[in-house]
N, C-alpha and C. Protein backbone atom coordinates (compact mmCIF):
# COMPACT_ATOMS: atom_id res chain seq x y z
N UNK A 1 0.80 -1.11 -0.11
CA UNK A 1 -0.16 -0.08 0.01
C UNK A 1 0.90 1.30 -0.05
N UNK A 2 0.37 2.31 -0.66
CA UNK A 2 1.31 3.39 -0.82
C UNK A 2 0.26 4.63 -0.63
N UNK A 3 0.84 5.85 -0.11
CA UNK A 3 0.10 6.94 0.30
C UNK A 3 0.27 8.03 -0.97
N UNK A 4 -0.74 8.44 -1.26
CA UNK A 4 -0.76 9.46 -2.37
C UNK A 4 -1.08 10.90 -1.71
N UNK A 5 -0.04 11.71 -2.00
CA UNK A 5 -0.31 13.34 -1.63
C UNK A 5 -0.13 14.11 -2.78
N UNK A 6 -1.22 14.93 -2.83
CA UNK A 6 -1.29 15.90 -3.81
C UNK A 6 -1.77 17.26 -3.14
N UNK A 7 -1.97 18.23 -3.75
CA UNK A 7 -2.50 19.56 -3.22
C UNK A 7 -4.05 19.18 -2.67
N UNK A 8 -4.17 19.33 -1.46
CA UNK A 8 -5.38 19.00 -0.74
C UNK A 8 -5.80 17.64 -0.49
N UNK A 9 -5.01 16.65 -1.05
CA UNK A 9 -5.08 15.28 -0.87
C UNK A 9 -4.17 14.45 -0.07
N UNK A 10 -4.71 13.74 0.99
CA UNK A 10 -3.88 12.53 1.39
C UNK A 10 -4.80 11.33 1.40
N UNK A 11 -4.17 10.35 0.87
CA UNK A 11 -4.88 9.10 0.62
C UNK A 11 -4.10 7.84 0.64
N UNK A 12 -4.66 6.76 1.12
CA UNK A 12 -4.04 5.44 1.02
C UNK A 12 -4.57 4.83 0.05
N UNK A 13 -3.80 3.97 -1.01
CA UNK A 13 -4.27 3.59 -2.07
C UNK A 13 -4.08 1.85 -2.00
N UNK A 14 -5.27 1.22 -2.42
CA UNK A 14 -5.42 -0.09 -2.37
C UNK A 14 -5.30 -0.48 -3.85
N UNK A 15 -4.21 -1.08 -4.68
CA UNK A 15 -4.04 -1.13 -5.82
C UNK A 15 -4.07 -2.86 -6.10
N UNK A 16 -5.24 -3.30 -7.11
CA UNK A 16 -5.13 -4.54 -7.45
C UNK A 16 -3.82 -5.24 -8.24
N UNK A 17 -3.85 -6.30 -8.26
CA UNK A 17 -2.65 -6.79 -8.89
C UNK A 17 -2.50 -6.76 -10.37
N UNK A 18 -3.69 -6.37 -11.08
CA UNK A 18 -3.79 -6.18 -12.43
C UNK A 18 -4.41 -4.77 -12.74
N UNK A 19 -4.40 -4.65 -13.96
CA UNK A 19 -4.89 -3.21 -14.29
C UNK A 19 -6.28 -3.16 -13.80
N UNK A 20 -6.55 -1.93 -13.05
CA UNK A 20 -7.81 -1.85 -12.35
C UNK A 20 -9.12 -1.65 -13.51
N UNK A 21 -10.13 -2.40 -12.99
CA UNK A 21 -11.46 -2.11 -13.89
C UNK A 21 -12.05 -0.95 -13.50
N UNK A 22 -11.64 -0.49 -12.46
CA UNK A 22 -12.35 0.95 -11.93
C UNK A 22 -11.64 1.65 -10.79
N UNK A 23 -12.19 2.85 -10.39
CA UNK A 23 -11.65 3.26 -9.10
C UNK A 23 -12.59 3.68 -8.31
N UNK A 24 -12.29 3.79 -6.87
CA UNK A 24 -13.19 4.41 -5.87
C UNK A 24 -12.55 5.32 -5.02
N UNK A 25 -13.19 6.25 -4.50
CA UNK A 25 -12.75 7.28 -3.56
C UNK A 25 -13.63 7.34 -2.32
N UNK A 26 -13.13 6.87 -1.09
CA UNK A 26 -13.89 6.85 -0.18
C UNK A 26 -13.49 7.79 1.01
N UNK A 27 -14.60 8.46 1.35
CA UNK A 27 -14.10 9.75 2.42
C UNK A 27 -15.01 9.03 3.84
N UNK A 28 -14.09 9.53 4.94
CA UNK A 28 -14.51 8.94 6.30
C UNK A 28 -15.77 9.85 6.80
N UNK A 29 -16.27 9.36 7.83
CA UNK A 29 -17.32 10.08 8.56
C UNK A 29 -16.95 11.10 9.64
N UNK A 30 -17.78 11.94 10.17
CA UNK A 30 -17.52 12.91 11.11
C UNK A 30 -16.55 12.42 12.38
N UNK A 31 -15.66 12.88 12.68
CA UNK A 31 -14.87 12.46 13.77
C UNK A 31 -13.76 11.44 13.36
N UNK A 32 -13.88 10.69 12.14
CA UNK A 32 -13.16 9.72 11.84
C UNK A 32 -11.87 9.98 10.93
N UNK A 33 -11.21 9.12 10.34
CA UNK A 33 -10.25 9.31 9.60
C UNK A 33 -10.11 8.28 8.30
N UNK A 34 -9.16 8.52 7.55
CA UNK A 34 -9.25 7.32 6.52
C UNK A 34 -8.96 5.68 6.99
N UNK A 35 -8.43 5.77 8.43
CA UNK A 35 -8.26 4.41 8.78
C UNK A 35 -9.47 3.80 9.52
N UNK A 36 -10.66 4.43 9.16
CA UNK A 36 -11.96 3.93 9.80
C UNK A 36 -12.06 2.51 9.25
N UNK A 37 -12.51 1.56 10.38
CA UNK A 37 -12.82 0.35 10.16
C UNK A 37 -13.67 0.11 8.88
N UNK A 38 -14.74 0.63 8.65
CA UNK A 38 -15.63 0.60 7.61
C UNK A 38 -14.98 0.85 6.31
N UNK A 39 -14.09 2.03 6.23
CA UNK A 39 -13.36 2.27 5.08
C UNK A 39 -12.34 1.07 4.63
N UNK A 40 -11.83 0.58 5.51
CA UNK A 40 -10.87 -0.62 5.32
C UNK A 40 -11.52 -1.71 4.74
N UNK A 41 -12.84 -2.08 5.45
CA UNK A 41 -13.43 -3.10 4.95
C UNK A 41 -13.99 -2.95 3.40
N UNK A 42 -14.49 -1.91 3.10
CA UNK A 42 -14.77 -1.56 1.70
C UNK A 42 -13.74 -1.64 0.65
N UNK A 43 -12.57 -0.97 1.19
CA UNK A 43 -11.36 -0.86 0.24
C UNK A 43 -10.84 -2.36 0.14
N UNK A 44 -10.52 -3.22 0.84
CA UNK A 44 -9.97 -4.41 0.85
C UNK A 44 -10.88 -5.26 -0.01
N UNK A 45 -12.28 -5.20 0.01
CA UNK A 45 -13.18 -5.88 -0.66
C UNK A 45 -13.38 -5.26 -2.03
N UNK A 46 -13.33 -4.19 -2.37
CA UNK A 46 -13.34 -3.39 -3.56
C UNK A 46 -12.18 -3.95 -4.60
N UNK A 47 -10.80 -3.88 -3.61
CA UNK A 47 -9.67 -4.07 -4.42
C UNK A 47 -9.54 -5.35 -4.94
N UNK A 48 -10.25 -6.44 -4.06
CA UNK A 48 -10.15 -7.75 -4.40
C UNK A 48 -10.96 -8.00 -5.77
N UNK A 49 -11.90 -7.15 -5.97
CA UNK A 49 -12.77 -7.34 -7.07
C UNK A 49 -12.15 -6.53 -8.40
N UNK A 50 -11.01 -5.94 -8.12
CA UNK A 50 -10.16 -5.27 -9.19
C UNK A 50 -10.28 -3.77 -9.38
N UNK A 51 -10.71 -3.17 -8.24
CA UNK A 51 -10.90 -1.70 -8.23
C UNK A 51 -9.39 -1.01 -7.58
N UNK A 52 -9.04 0.19 -7.92
CA UNK A 52 -8.07 0.95 -7.26
C UNK A 52 -9.00 1.78 -6.41
N UNK A 53 -8.64 1.68 -5.08
CA UNK A 53 -9.39 2.36 -4.07
C UNK A 53 -8.56 3.36 -3.21
N UNK A 54 -9.00 4.58 -3.15
CA UNK A 54 -8.43 5.59 -2.39
C UNK A 54 -9.08 5.86 -0.94
N UNK A 55 -8.65 5.47 0.04
CA UNK A 55 -8.99 6.07 1.27
C UNK A 55 -8.58 7.46 1.62
N UNK A 56 -9.28 8.45 1.90
CA UNK A 56 -8.80 9.90 1.88
C UNK A 56 -9.25 10.41 3.27
N UNK A 57 -8.10 11.17 3.70
CA UNK A 57 -8.52 11.94 4.86
C UNK A 57 -9.00 13.51 4.14
N UNK A 58 -10.21 13.75 4.74
CA UNK A 58 -10.78 15.07 4.35
C UNK A 58 -9.99 16.30 4.80
N UNK A 59 -10.03 17.33 4.18
CA UNK A 59 -9.20 18.58 4.57
C UNK A 59 -9.59 19.04 5.96
N UNK A 60 -10.49 19.01 6.64
CA UNK A 60 -10.52 19.20 8.04
C UNK A 60 -9.89 18.17 8.92
N UNK A 61 -9.77 16.88 8.47
CA UNK A 61 -9.03 16.13 9.30
C UNK A 61 -7.51 16.01 9.06
N UNK A 62 -7.21 16.69 7.87
CA UNK A 62 -5.76 16.91 7.51
C UNK A 62 -5.36 18.03 8.52
N UNK A 63 -6.18 19.14 9.01
CA UNK A 63 -5.65 20.17 9.60
C UNK A 63 -5.75 19.79 10.95
N UNK A 64 -6.77 18.95 11.64
CA UNK A 64 -6.92 18.54 12.92
C UNK A 64 -6.91 17.14 13.12
N UNK A 65 -6.14 16.71 14.05
CA UNK A 65 -6.10 15.16 14.28
C UNK A 65 -7.17 14.54 14.83
N UNK A 66 -8.05 15.21 15.63
CA UNK A 66 -9.27 14.75 16.35
C UNK A 66 -10.36 15.68 16.20
N UNK A 67 -11.58 15.24 16.46
CA UNK A 67 -12.54 16.11 16.65
C UNK A 67 -13.51 16.15 15.25
N UNK A 68 -14.65 16.45 15.55
CA UNK A 68 -15.64 16.57 14.15
C UNK A 68 -15.40 17.79 13.39
N UNK A 69 -15.95 17.68 12.19
CA UNK A 69 -15.97 18.95 11.26
C UNK A 69 -16.86 20.07 12.00
N UNK A 70 -16.48 21.23 11.38
CA UNK A 70 -17.29 22.42 11.77
C UNK A 70 -18.07 23.10 10.64
N UNK A 71 -18.87 23.71 10.91
CA UNK A 71 -19.88 24.33 9.68
C UNK A 71 -18.93 25.00 8.63
N UNK A 72 -17.86 25.53 9.04
CA UNK A 72 -17.15 26.23 8.05
C UNK A 72 -16.03 25.15 7.11
N UNK A 73 -16.17 24.06 7.68
CA UNK A 73 -15.25 22.92 6.96
C UNK A 73 -15.98 22.30 5.68
N UNK A 74 -17.21 22.28 5.55
CA UNK A 74 -17.98 21.53 4.71
C UNK A 74 -17.55 21.74 3.23
N UNK A 75 -17.45 23.13 2.76
CA UNK A 75 -16.98 23.50 1.46
C UNK A 75 -15.62 23.15 1.06
N UNK A 76 -14.73 23.30 2.11
CA UNK A 76 -13.34 22.91 1.90
C UNK A 76 -13.25 21.40 1.74
N UNK A 77 -14.20 20.69 2.49
CA UNK A 77 -14.05 19.33 2.40
C UNK A 77 -14.64 18.60 1.11
N UNK A 78 -15.39 19.48 0.40
CA UNK A 78 -16.05 19.29 -0.87
C UNK A 78 -14.90 19.56 -1.80
N UNK A 79 -14.18 20.33 -1.67
CA UNK A 79 -13.09 20.83 -2.44
C UNK A 79 -11.98 19.72 -2.51
N UNK A 80 -11.87 19.27 -1.38
CA UNK A 80 -10.77 18.14 -0.97
C UNK A 80 -11.30 16.81 -1.78
N UNK A 81 -12.52 16.38 -1.81
CA UNK A 81 -13.04 15.44 -2.58
C UNK A 81 -12.86 15.67 -4.05
N UNK A 82 -13.09 16.77 -4.55
CA UNK A 82 -12.91 17.00 -5.82
C UNK A 82 -11.46 17.01 -6.26
N UNK A 83 -10.65 17.29 -5.44
CA UNK A 83 -9.06 17.34 -5.77
C UNK A 83 -8.67 15.53 -5.75
N UNK A 84 -9.33 14.98 -4.77
CA UNK A 84 -9.06 13.54 -5.07
C UNK A 84 -9.57 13.05 -6.22
N UNK A 85 -10.66 13.26 -6.67
CA UNK A 85 -11.12 12.81 -8.03
C UNK A 85 -10.28 13.20 -9.04
N UNK A 86 -9.64 14.20 -9.07
CA UNK A 86 -8.89 14.87 -10.06
C UNK A 86 -7.48 14.06 -10.06
N UNK A 87 -6.81 13.80 -8.74
CA UNK A 87 -5.63 13.00 -8.58
C UNK A 87 -6.06 11.64 -9.05
N UNK A 88 -6.98 10.92 -8.64
CA UNK A 88 -7.32 9.68 -9.10
C UNK A 88 -7.29 9.40 -10.54
N UNK A 89 -8.16 10.28 -11.12
CA UNK A 89 -8.45 10.23 -12.58
C UNK A 89 -7.21 10.39 -13.47
N UNK A 90 -6.11 11.28 -12.69
CA UNK A 90 -4.84 11.29 -13.37
C UNK A 90 -4.15 10.11 -13.48
N UNK A 91 -4.30 9.12 -12.35
CA UNK A 91 -3.67 7.68 -12.08
C UNK A 91 -4.20 6.78 -13.13
N UNK A 92 -5.73 6.73 -13.22
CA UNK A 92 -6.31 5.58 -14.16
C UNK A 92 -7.43 6.38 -14.79
N UNK A 93 -7.56 5.86 -16.10
CA UNK A 93 -8.78 6.48 -16.82
C UNK A 93 -10.09 5.54 -16.72
N UNK A 94 -10.08 4.70 -15.71
CA UNK A 94 -11.12 3.96 -15.67
C UNK A 94 -12.44 4.57 -15.00
N UNK A 95 -13.61 4.16 -15.01
CA UNK A 95 -14.84 4.59 -14.38
C UNK A 95 -14.52 4.96 -12.92
N UNK A 96 -14.87 5.98 -12.52
CA UNK A 96 -14.80 6.34 -11.04
C UNK A 96 -16.04 6.44 -10.24
N UNK A 97 -16.07 5.83 -9.09
CA UNK A 97 -17.19 6.01 -8.03
C UNK A 97 -16.49 6.91 -6.80
N UNK A 98 -17.17 7.80 -6.53
CA UNK A 98 -16.82 8.54 -5.30
C UNK A 98 -17.87 8.55 -4.20
N UNK A 99 -17.61 8.72 -3.12
CA UNK A 99 -18.47 8.67 -1.92
C UNK A 99 -17.82 8.34 -0.77
N UNK A 100 -18.58 7.87 0.38
CA UNK A 100 -17.73 7.51 1.77
C UNK A 100 -19.01 7.19 2.70
N UNK A 101 -18.41 7.19 3.69
CA UNK A 101 -19.46 6.82 5.05
C UNK A 101 -19.76 8.06 5.81
N UNK A 102 -21.12 8.09 5.90
CA UNK A 102 -21.83 9.14 6.70
C UNK A 102 -21.53 10.44 6.39
N UNK A 103 -20.79 11.40 7.10
CA UNK A 103 -20.40 12.82 6.72
C UNK A 103 -19.77 12.80 5.25
N UNK A 104 -18.74 12.07 5.07
CA UNK A 104 -17.84 11.85 3.88
C UNK A 104 -18.96 11.61 2.58
N UNK A 105 -19.65 10.81 2.91
CA UNK A 105 -20.61 10.57 1.80
C UNK A 105 -21.49 11.59 1.62
N UNK A 106 -21.94 12.24 2.40
CA UNK A 106 -23.01 13.44 2.36
C UNK A 106 -22.18 14.49 1.65
N UNK A 107 -20.90 14.72 2.00
CA UNK A 107 -20.19 15.79 1.19
C UNK A 107 -19.95 15.59 -0.12
N UNK A 108 -19.74 14.34 -0.62
CA UNK A 108 -19.45 13.56 -1.87
C UNK A 108 -20.88 13.68 -2.72
N UNK A 109 -21.94 13.52 -2.01
CA UNK A 109 -23.08 13.61 -2.74
C UNK A 109 -23.61 15.38 -2.92
N UNK A 110 -23.06 16.13 -2.13
CA UNK A 110 -23.40 17.50 -2.48
C UNK A 110 -22.59 17.76 -3.44
N UNK A 111 -21.28 17.51 -3.68
CA UNK A 111 -20.35 17.67 -4.69
C UNK A 111 -20.70 17.14 -6.09
N UNK A 112 -21.34 15.97 -6.04
CA UNK A 112 -21.60 15.37 -7.50
C UNK A 112 -23.06 16.06 -7.86
N UNK A 113 -23.86 16.38 -7.01
CA UNK A 113 -24.86 17.19 -7.25
C UNK A 113 -24.65 18.44 -8.06
N UNK A 114 -23.70 19.14 -7.80
CA UNK A 114 -23.30 20.31 -8.48
C UNK A 114 -22.33 19.99 -9.69
N UNK A 115 -21.46 19.05 -9.54
CA UNK A 115 -20.65 18.65 -10.57
C UNK A 115 -20.77 17.21 -11.03
N UNK A 116 -21.83 16.78 -11.73
CA UNK A 116 -21.93 15.58 -12.07
C UNK A 116 -20.85 14.91 -12.94
N UNK A 117 -20.08 15.68 -13.52
CA UNK A 117 -18.99 15.26 -14.52
C UNK A 117 -17.88 14.75 -13.63
N UNK A 118 -17.80 14.70 -12.41
CA UNK A 118 -16.59 14.45 -11.62
C UNK A 118 -16.40 13.08 -11.48
N UNK A 119 -17.61 12.08 -11.50
CA UNK A 119 -17.41 10.71 -11.22
C UNK A 119 -18.61 10.18 -12.14
N UNK A 120 -18.42 8.81 -12.00
CA UNK A 120 -19.37 7.95 -12.97
C UNK A 120 -20.60 7.32 -12.06
N UNK A 121 -20.14 7.28 -10.75
CA UNK A 121 -21.16 6.72 -9.81
C UNK A 121 -20.82 7.38 -8.29
N UNK A 122 -21.94 7.33 -7.60
CA UNK A 122 -21.89 7.75 -6.24
C UNK A 122 -21.96 6.69 -5.13
N UNK A 123 -21.36 6.56 -4.23
CA UNK A 123 -21.53 5.59 -3.07
C UNK A 123 -21.58 6.00 -1.81
N UNK A 124 -22.85 5.94 -1.07
CA UNK A 124 -23.22 6.46 0.04
C UNK A 124 -23.48 5.42 1.14
N UNK A 125 -22.47 5.42 1.97
CA UNK A 125 -22.57 4.64 3.28
C UNK A 125 -23.03 5.07 4.44
N UNK A 126 -24.26 4.49 4.92
CA UNK A 126 -24.88 4.96 6.02
C UNK A 126 -25.10 6.62 6.15
N UNK A 127 -25.90 7.02 4.83
CA UNK A 127 -25.98 8.51 4.75
C UNK A 127 -26.86 9.13 5.98
N UNK A 128 -26.30 10.04 6.38
CA UNK A 128 -26.97 10.67 7.72
C UNK A 128 -28.12 11.64 7.10
N UNK A 129 -29.37 10.79 6.84
CA UNK A 129 -30.39 11.81 6.50
C UNK A 129 -31.14 12.82 7.28
N UNK A 130 -30.81 12.38 8.47
CA UNK A 130 -31.13 13.54 9.54
C UNK A 130 -30.47 13.26 10.98
N UNK A 131 -30.28 14.06 11.90
CA UNK A 131 -29.70 13.88 12.96
C UNK A 131 -30.47 12.87 13.84
N UNK A 132 -29.91 12.17 14.66
CA UNK A 132 -30.84 11.24 15.45
C UNK A 132 -31.81 11.82 16.38
N UNK A 133 -33.14 11.27 16.18
CA UNK A 133 -34.08 11.81 16.90
C UNK A 133 -34.87 13.11 16.29
N UNK A 134 -34.18 13.50 15.10
CA UNK A 134 -34.85 14.75 14.59
C UNK A 134 -35.12 14.58 13.25
N UNK A 135 -36.17 13.71 12.67
CA UNK A 135 -36.48 13.51 11.59
C UNK A 135 -37.25 14.69 10.66
N UNK A 136 -37.34 15.86 11.32
CA UNK A 136 -37.90 17.02 10.82
C UNK A 136 -36.59 17.82 10.10
N UNK A 137 -35.54 17.31 10.48
CA UNK A 137 -34.39 18.13 9.95
C UNK A 137 -33.74 17.02 8.69
N UNK A 138 -34.35 16.89 7.76
CA UNK A 138 -33.98 15.95 6.67
C UNK A 138 -33.11 16.92 5.85
N UNK A 139 -31.93 16.18 5.35
CA UNK A 139 -31.06 16.67 4.46
C UNK A 139 -31.02 16.12 3.25
N UNK A 140 -32.26 16.46 2.63
CA UNK A 140 -32.58 16.16 1.20
C UNK A 140 -32.50 17.10 0.13
N UNK A 141 -32.31 18.47 0.37
CA UNK A 141 -32.51 19.50 -0.51
C UNK A 141 -31.90 19.13 -1.99
N UNK A 142 -30.50 18.61 -1.81
CA UNK A 142 -29.78 18.36 -3.15
C UNK A 142 -29.78 17.28 -3.67
N UNK A 143 -30.81 16.34 -3.22
CA UNK A 143 -30.80 14.89 -3.71
C UNK A 143 -31.50 14.88 -5.13
N UNK A 144 -32.46 15.77 -5.37
CA UNK A 144 -32.94 15.73 -6.88
C UNK A 144 -32.10 16.36 -7.86
N UNK A 145 -30.97 16.99 -7.41
CA UNK A 145 -29.77 17.19 -8.32
C UNK A 145 -28.84 16.21 -8.75
N UNK A 146 -28.86 15.20 -7.97
CA UNK A 146 -27.97 14.20 -8.64
C UNK A 146 -28.53 13.36 -9.81
N UNK A 147 -27.28 13.21 -10.70
CA UNK A 147 -27.91 12.66 -11.98
C UNK A 147 -26.97 11.40 -12.35
N UNK A 148 -26.16 11.02 -11.37
CA UNK A 148 -25.21 9.94 -11.52
C UNK A 148 -25.78 8.54 -10.90
N UNK A 149 -25.53 7.28 -11.29
CA UNK A 149 -26.00 6.27 -10.60
C UNK A 149 -25.50 6.04 -9.11
N UNK A 150 -26.34 5.75 -8.21
CA UNK A 150 -26.22 5.99 -6.70
C UNK A 150 -26.25 4.63 -5.96
N UNK A 151 -25.18 4.23 -5.12
CA UNK A 151 -25.55 3.12 -4.34
C UNK A 151 -25.64 3.65 -2.82
N UNK A 152 -26.64 3.17 -2.11
CA UNK A 152 -26.75 3.50 -0.78
C UNK A 152 -26.58 2.30 0.29
N UNK A 153 -25.83 2.39 1.04
CA UNK A 153 -25.67 1.04 2.09
C UNK A 153 -26.45 1.55 3.39
N UNK A 154 -27.22 0.65 3.82
CA UNK A 154 -28.01 1.33 4.80
C UNK A 154 -28.11 0.20 5.95
N UNK A 155 -28.07 0.40 7.28
CA UNK A 155 -28.28 -0.52 8.41
C UNK A 155 -29.61 -0.24 9.12
N UNK A 156 -30.24 -1.19 9.12
CA UNK A 156 -31.70 -1.22 9.68
C UNK A 156 -31.80 -0.44 10.79
N UNK A 157 -30.90 -0.35 11.77
CA UNK A 157 -31.04 0.05 12.98
C UNK A 157 -30.30 1.49 13.23
N UNK A 158 -30.12 2.06 11.90
CA UNK A 158 -29.40 3.37 11.97
C UNK A 158 -30.36 4.46 12.52
N UNK A 159 -29.80 5.23 13.42
CA UNK A 159 -30.79 6.47 14.09
C UNK A 159 -30.72 7.57 13.15
N UNK A 160 -29.75 7.39 12.05
CA UNK A 160 -29.84 8.82 11.22
C UNK A 160 -30.79 8.59 10.01
N UNK A 161 -31.27 7.52 9.92
CA UNK A 161 -32.39 7.20 8.94
C UNK A 161 -33.06 5.71 9.21
N UNK A 162 -34.20 5.75 9.04
CA UNK A 162 -35.11 4.50 8.99
C UNK A 162 -35.06 4.11 7.71
N UNK A 163 -35.28 2.82 7.42
CA UNK A 163 -35.39 2.34 5.96
C UNK A 163 -36.50 2.92 5.30
N UNK A 164 -37.58 3.09 5.87
CA UNK A 164 -38.73 3.87 5.02
C UNK A 164 -38.38 5.34 4.58
N UNK A 165 -37.69 5.84 5.47
CA UNK A 165 -37.11 7.41 5.35
C UNK A 165 -36.31 7.46 4.24
N UNK A 166 -35.24 6.36 4.30
CA UNK A 166 -34.34 6.32 3.29
C UNK A 166 -34.95 6.15 1.78
N UNK A 167 -35.78 5.10 1.88
CA UNK A 167 -36.39 4.77 0.63
C UNK A 167 -37.19 6.09 0.00
N UNK A 168 -37.92 7.00 0.78
CA UNK A 168 -38.51 7.99 0.40
C UNK A 168 -37.70 8.97 -0.31
N UNK A 169 -36.38 9.11 0.48
CA UNK A 169 -35.43 10.35 0.17
C UNK A 169 -34.76 9.76 -1.25
N UNK A 170 -34.33 8.40 -1.39
CA UNK A 170 -33.83 8.01 -2.64
C UNK A 170 -34.78 8.18 -3.96
N UNK A 171 -35.95 8.08 -3.66
CA UNK A 171 -36.91 8.51 -4.95
C UNK A 171 -36.90 9.72 -5.47
N UNK A 172 -35.94 10.66 -4.75
CA UNK A 172 -35.91 11.93 -5.25
C UNK A 172 -34.61 12.17 -6.27
N UNK A 173 -33.83 11.14 -5.98
CA UNK A 173 -32.63 11.18 -7.03
C UNK A 173 -33.08 10.84 -8.53
N UNK A 174 -32.56 11.76 -9.35
CA UNK A 174 -32.99 11.59 -10.83
C UNK A 174 -31.58 10.63 -11.48
N UNK A 175 -31.60 9.45 -11.05
CA UNK A 175 -30.55 8.59 -11.75
C UNK A 175 -30.95 7.07 -11.04
N UNK A 176 -30.36 6.14 -11.72
CA UNK A 176 -30.57 4.71 -11.04
C UNK A 176 -29.83 4.75 -9.66
N UNK A 177 -30.80 4.03 -8.85
CA UNK A 177 -30.46 3.64 -7.40
C UNK A 177 -30.21 2.39 -7.09
N UNK A 178 -29.57 2.01 -6.10
CA UNK A 178 -29.56 0.84 -5.54
C UNK A 178 -29.41 0.89 -3.95
N UNK A 179 -30.36 0.38 -3.13
CA UNK A 179 -30.01 0.41 -1.75
C UNK A 179 -29.70 -1.09 -1.54
N UNK A 180 -28.83 -1.24 -0.68
CA UNK A 180 -28.05 -2.28 0.01
C UNK A 180 -28.46 -2.16 1.51
N UNK A 181 -29.33 -3.15 2.12
CA UNK A 181 -29.71 -3.01 3.69
C UNK A 181 -29.12 -4.14 4.26
N UNK A 182 -28.57 -3.87 5.46
CA UNK A 182 -28.17 -5.01 6.43
C UNK A 182 -28.65 -4.81 7.78
N UNK A 183 -28.44 -5.85 8.27
CA UNK A 183 -28.97 -5.71 9.87
C UNK A 183 -27.78 -5.23 10.75
N UNK A 184 -27.81 -4.01 10.89
CA UNK A 184 -26.52 -3.29 11.54
C UNK A 184 -26.88 -1.79 12.02
N UNK A 185 -26.05 -1.22 12.78
CA UNK A 185 -26.38 0.10 13.28
C UNK A 185 -25.62 1.04 12.35
N UNK A 186 -25.59 2.31 12.70
CA UNK A 186 -24.63 3.44 11.68
C UNK A 186 -23.38 2.90 11.50
N UNK A 187 -22.73 2.25 12.19
CA UNK A 187 -21.18 1.80 11.86
C UNK A 187 -21.16 0.86 11.02
N UNK A 188 -22.32 0.05 10.78
CA UNK A 188 -22.43 -1.13 9.85
C UNK A 188 -21.62 -2.44 10.36
N UNK A 189 -20.86 -2.31 11.32
CA UNK A 189 -20.23 -3.56 11.86
C UNK A 189 -19.76 -4.52 10.86
N UNK A 190 -18.76 -4.37 10.00
CA UNK A 190 -18.52 -4.93 8.61
C UNK A 190 -17.94 -6.42 9.18
N UNK A 191 -17.28 -6.63 10.28
CA UNK A 191 -17.01 -8.18 10.47
C UNK A 191 -18.11 -8.89 10.78
N UNK A 192 -19.19 -8.36 11.10
CA UNK A 192 -20.31 -9.31 11.51
C UNK A 192 -21.65 -9.23 10.33
N UNK A 193 -21.59 -8.20 9.56
CA UNK A 193 -22.66 -7.93 8.84
C UNK A 193 -22.47 -8.21 7.42
N UNK A 194 -21.21 -8.60 7.05
CA UNK A 194 -20.92 -8.99 5.78
C UNK A 194 -21.42 -7.82 4.73
N UNK A 195 -21.26 -6.66 5.19
CA UNK A 195 -21.61 -5.40 4.33
C UNK A 195 -20.84 -5.16 3.05
N UNK A 196 -19.40 -5.49 3.28
CA UNK A 196 -18.42 -4.96 2.13
C UNK A 196 -18.53 -5.86 1.26
N UNK A 197 -18.95 -7.15 1.30
CA UNK A 197 -19.03 -8.09 -0.02
C UNK A 197 -20.45 -7.53 -0.57
N UNK A 198 -21.37 -7.17 0.08
CA UNK A 198 -22.71 -6.96 -0.42
C UNK A 198 -22.60 -5.48 -1.26
N UNK A 199 -21.83 -4.71 -0.65
CA UNK A 199 -21.65 -3.42 -1.42
C UNK A 199 -20.77 -3.48 -2.45
N UNK A 200 -19.86 -4.40 -2.45
CA UNK A 200 -18.83 -4.71 -3.64
C UNK A 200 -19.73 -5.32 -4.81
N UNK A 201 -20.68 -6.10 -4.50
CA UNK A 201 -21.64 -6.79 -5.57
C UNK A 201 -22.38 -5.32 -6.28
N UNK A 202 -22.78 -4.47 -5.57
CA UNK A 202 -23.55 -3.50 -6.15
C UNK A 202 -22.62 -2.54 -6.85
N UNK A 203 -21.45 -2.37 -6.28
CA UNK A 203 -20.46 -1.34 -7.12
C UNK A 203 -20.10 -2.10 -8.47
N UNK A 204 -19.88 -3.26 -8.35
CA UNK A 204 -19.47 -4.09 -9.70
C UNK A 204 -20.52 -3.90 -10.74
N UNK A 205 -21.64 -4.14 -10.25
CA UNK A 205 -22.75 -4.20 -11.23
C UNK A 205 -22.85 -2.73 -11.79
N UNK A 206 -22.68 -1.82 -10.92
CA UNK A 206 -22.85 -0.34 -11.51
C UNK A 206 -21.86 -0.33 -12.57
N UNK A 207 -20.46 -0.73 -12.13
CA UNK A 207 -19.33 -0.49 -13.08
C UNK A 207 -19.62 -1.27 -14.57
N UNK A 208 -20.26 -2.29 -14.29
CA UNK A 208 -20.47 -3.13 -15.59
C UNK A 208 -21.43 -2.32 -16.69
N UNK A 209 -21.91 -1.36 -16.06
CA UNK A 209 -23.00 -0.38 -16.93
C UNK A 209 -22.25 0.82 -17.35
N UNK A 210 -21.02 0.92 -17.18
CA UNK A 210 -20.27 2.25 -17.46
C UNK A 210 -19.42 2.11 -18.57
N UNK A 211 -19.40 2.82 -19.54
CA UNK A 211 -18.33 2.78 -20.67
C UNK A 211 -16.76 3.37 -19.87
N UNK A 212 -15.80 2.60 -20.54
CA UNK A 212 -14.40 3.20 -20.26
C UNK A 212 -14.38 4.81 -20.44
N UNK A 213 -13.64 5.29 -19.76
CA UNK A 213 -13.63 6.77 -19.85
C UNK A 213 -12.57 7.07 -20.90
């Protein structure tokens, strides 16, 4: 494994043994970093399927080793994801999927809603549809602007979204969508839930429908 550094980008790369079939950029949740257990689980499984995977530290984490992002960090974090897309696209011309877990996935979704040309697919792991216990504060304003195929991985006991709430929100997306549901909480418990393999199945199906860049 090697570390990729570029302006605004710090990433650990999982590289397949042969030419990659595609690439994926995975961003961590609030309070986490690129070494999050769920990101490792996805990256290892996706790489086994032939993808080049970049686990990235978002800009707020590059500046501060601990703690959650602040309100002022969101735009910079989206800029960091965009920079990672450019850096990985320079490494491989294969179809690119971008996303991440919770906060990282949300920022990626907002980025591609405004810039659909950045990626060929969107991967949302435990999308934080609303704060726990506050379903009146739905984070859905940008979903109707998403125009690229989207995969959502959801835990049935996730306090950030019920399965029904998520299904209603996904209906707003103006592109093909796939929901992968497992019996798990927000963290998805990859060692017990088998979520990485199920997510990889969905990602590979998405890539099969994408032309080479």
